[in-house]
Amino acid sequence: MDKAMTKEGSFARDMFERMYDSLFSELIDLRQEYKKYYALEYERFEIFLYKKYNLEPDDIEAILKVENESEEYTIYKKDDFAYGDYGIAQFCFSEVMYGRILNLLLLKKDTDEN
């Protein structure tokens, strides 16, 4: 929450906590899922992503490139039936907020001056 630079008890902190909870509630760590359930079935993690989740090779390469930038990055999948505030998720991924939220998630400085 410190990266969001919001004050304790403020509306902004409350909103960001709701956004965070909506995005991260009941997430599935795909590397852990692969190791625990699918490592015998799929030779490599990349093959698992391609065959199990139908991701394109270019997308897999881009995801792994970002993941390799920091040990703090993790690849998550949101459970389709997870609890969460749909309106908050829509807001987070709106055209106006997408870049800012992405920067917060990647622990980068927000360069949007608007």
Protein backbone atom coordinates (compact mmCIF):
# COMPACT_ATOMS: atom_id res chain seq x y z
CA MET A 1 0.00 0.00 0.00
CA ASP A 2 2.96 2.33 0.54
CA LYS A 3 3.71 2.32 -3.20
CA ALA A 4 0.26 3.81 -3.82
CA MET A 5 1.35 6.86 -1.76
CA THR A 6 -2.00 7.23 -0.01
CA LYS A 7 -2.69 8.39 3.54
CA GLU A 8 -4.08 6.03 6.17
CA GLY A 9 -7.84 6.51 6.57
CA SER A 10 -8.21 8.54 3.36
CA PHE A 11 -10.72 7.92 0.58
CA ALA A 12 -7.80 7.24 -1.78
CA ARG A 13 -6.40 4.54 0.56
CA ASP A 14 -9.84 2.95 0.91
CA MET A 15 -10.34 2.97 -2.87
CA PHE A 16 -6.90 1.51 -3.53
CA GLU A 17 -7.41 -1.21 -0.90
CA ARG A 18 -10.70 -2.16 -2.60
CA MET A 19 -8.96 -2.21 -5.99
CA TYR A 20 -6.13 -4.34 -4.59
CA ASP A 21 -8.53 -6.78 -2.93
CA SER A 22 -10.60 -7.05 -6.10
CA LEU A 23 -7.56 -7.76 -8.26
CA PHE A 24 -5.71 -10.09 -5.90
CA SER A 25 -8.43 -12.01 -4.07
CA GLU A 26 -8.20 -15.73 -4.69
CA LEU A 27 -5.42 -15.56 -7.29
CA ILE A 28 -3.70 -18.71 -8.51
CA ASP A 29 0.11 -18.65 -8.76
CA LEU A 30 0.66 -20.32 -12.13
CA ARG A 31 4.22 -21.46 -11.39
CA GLN A 32 3.09 -23.18 -8.20
CA GLU A 33 0.11 -24.70 -9.99
CA TYR A 34 2.44 -25.99 -12.72
CA LYS A 35 4.92 -27.51 -10.25
CA LYS A 36 2.25 -29.07 -8.05
CA TYR A 37 -0.15 -30.47 -10.64
CA TYR A 38 1.24 -30.31 -14.17
CA ALA A 39 5.05 -30.73 -14.18
CA LEU A 40 4.79 -34.40 -15.13
CA GLU A 41 2.31 -33.69 -17.92
CA TYR A 42 4.09 -30.68 -19.45
CA GLU A 43 7.86 -30.72 -19.91
CA ARG A 44 8.30 -26.95 -19.43
CA PHE A 45 6.33 -24.07 -17.95
CA GLU A 46 6.09 -22.42 -21.37
CA ILE A 47 4.44 -25.53 -22.84
CA PHE A 48 2.04 -25.57 -19.90
CA LEU A 49 1.00 -21.95 -20.61
CA TYR A 50 0.61 -22.69 -24.31
CA LYS A 51 -1.39 -25.92 -24.01
CA LYS A 52 -3.34 -25.39 -20.78
CA TYR A 53 -4.19 -21.70 -21.19
CA ASN A 54 -3.93 -21.35 -24.99
CA LEU A 55 -1.54 -18.43 -24.80
CA GLU A 56 0.27 -17.42 -27.98
CA PRO A 57 4.07 -17.96 -28.02
CA ASP A 58 4.70 -14.21 -28.37
CA ASP A 59 2.51 -13.53 -25.33
CA ILE A 60 4.27 -16.23 -23.30
CA GLU A 61 7.64 -14.73 -24.23
CA ALA A 62 6.47 -11.25 -23.19
CA ILE A 63 5.05 -12.52 -19.88
CA LEU A 64 8.24 -14.40 -19.01
CA LYS A 65 10.38 -11.40 -19.98
CA VAL A 66 8.48 -9.20 -17.51
CA GLU A 67 8.60 -11.93 -14.85
CA ASN A 68 12.37 -12.20 -15.20
CA GLU A 69 12.85 -8.47 -14.55
CA SER A 70 12.39 -8.94 -10.81
CA GLU A 71 12.16 -11.74 -8.27
CA GLU A 72 9.11 -9.93 -6.86
CA TYR A 73 7.07 -10.55 -10.02
CA THR A 74 4.74 -13.53 -10.08
CA ILE A 75 2.43 -14.81 -12.81
CA TYR A 76 -1.10 -15.10 -11.47
CA LYS A 77 -4.37 -16.29 -12.91
CA LYS A 78 -7.63 -14.98 -11.55
CA ASP A 79 -10.14 -17.69 -10.79
CA ASP A 80 -13.21 -17.07 -12.93
CA PHE A 81 -15.42 -17.70 -9.92
CA ALA A 82 -13.38 -15.64 -7.43
CA TYR A 83 -15.05 -13.15 -5.16
CA GLY A 84 -14.42 -9.55 -6.08
CA ASP A 85 -16.01 -6.24 -6.92
CA TYR A 86 -16.54 -6.36 -10.70
CA GLY A 87 -17.00 -2.58 -10.87
CA ILE A 88 -13.60 -2.00 -9.29
CA ALA A 89 -11.91 -4.36 -11.76
CA GLN A 90 -13.60 -2.54 -14.65
CA PHE A 91 -12.33 0.77 -13.24
CA CYS A 92 -8.77 -0.55 -12.80
CA PHE A 93 -8.58 -1.67 -16.40
CA SER A 94 -10.31 1.36 -17.87
CA GLU A 95 -8.43 3.41 -20.44
CA VAL A 96 -7.77 6.17 -17.92
CA MET A 97 -6.43 3.95 -15.12
CA TYR A 98 -4.74 1.03 -16.90
CA GLY A 99 -1.26 2.56 -17.17
CA ARG A 100 -1.27 3.84 -13.61
CA ILE A 101 -2.42 0.51 -12.16
CA LEU A 102 0.13 -1.38 -14.27
CA ASN A 103 2.92 0.87 -12.96
CA LEU A 104 1.81 0.25 -9.37
CA LEU A 105 1.68 -3.50 -9.92
CA LEU A 106 5.14 -3.48 -11.51
CA LEU A 107 6.44 -1.19 -8.73
CA LYS A 108 7.36 1.52 -11.25
CA LYS A 109 6.95 5.26 -10.94
CA ASP A 110 3.74 6.65 -12.47
CA THR A 111 4.82 8.83 -15.39
CA ASP A 112 1.30 9.98 -16.27
CA GLU A 113 1.15 13.68 -15.43
CA ASN A 114 -2.66 13.99 -15.88
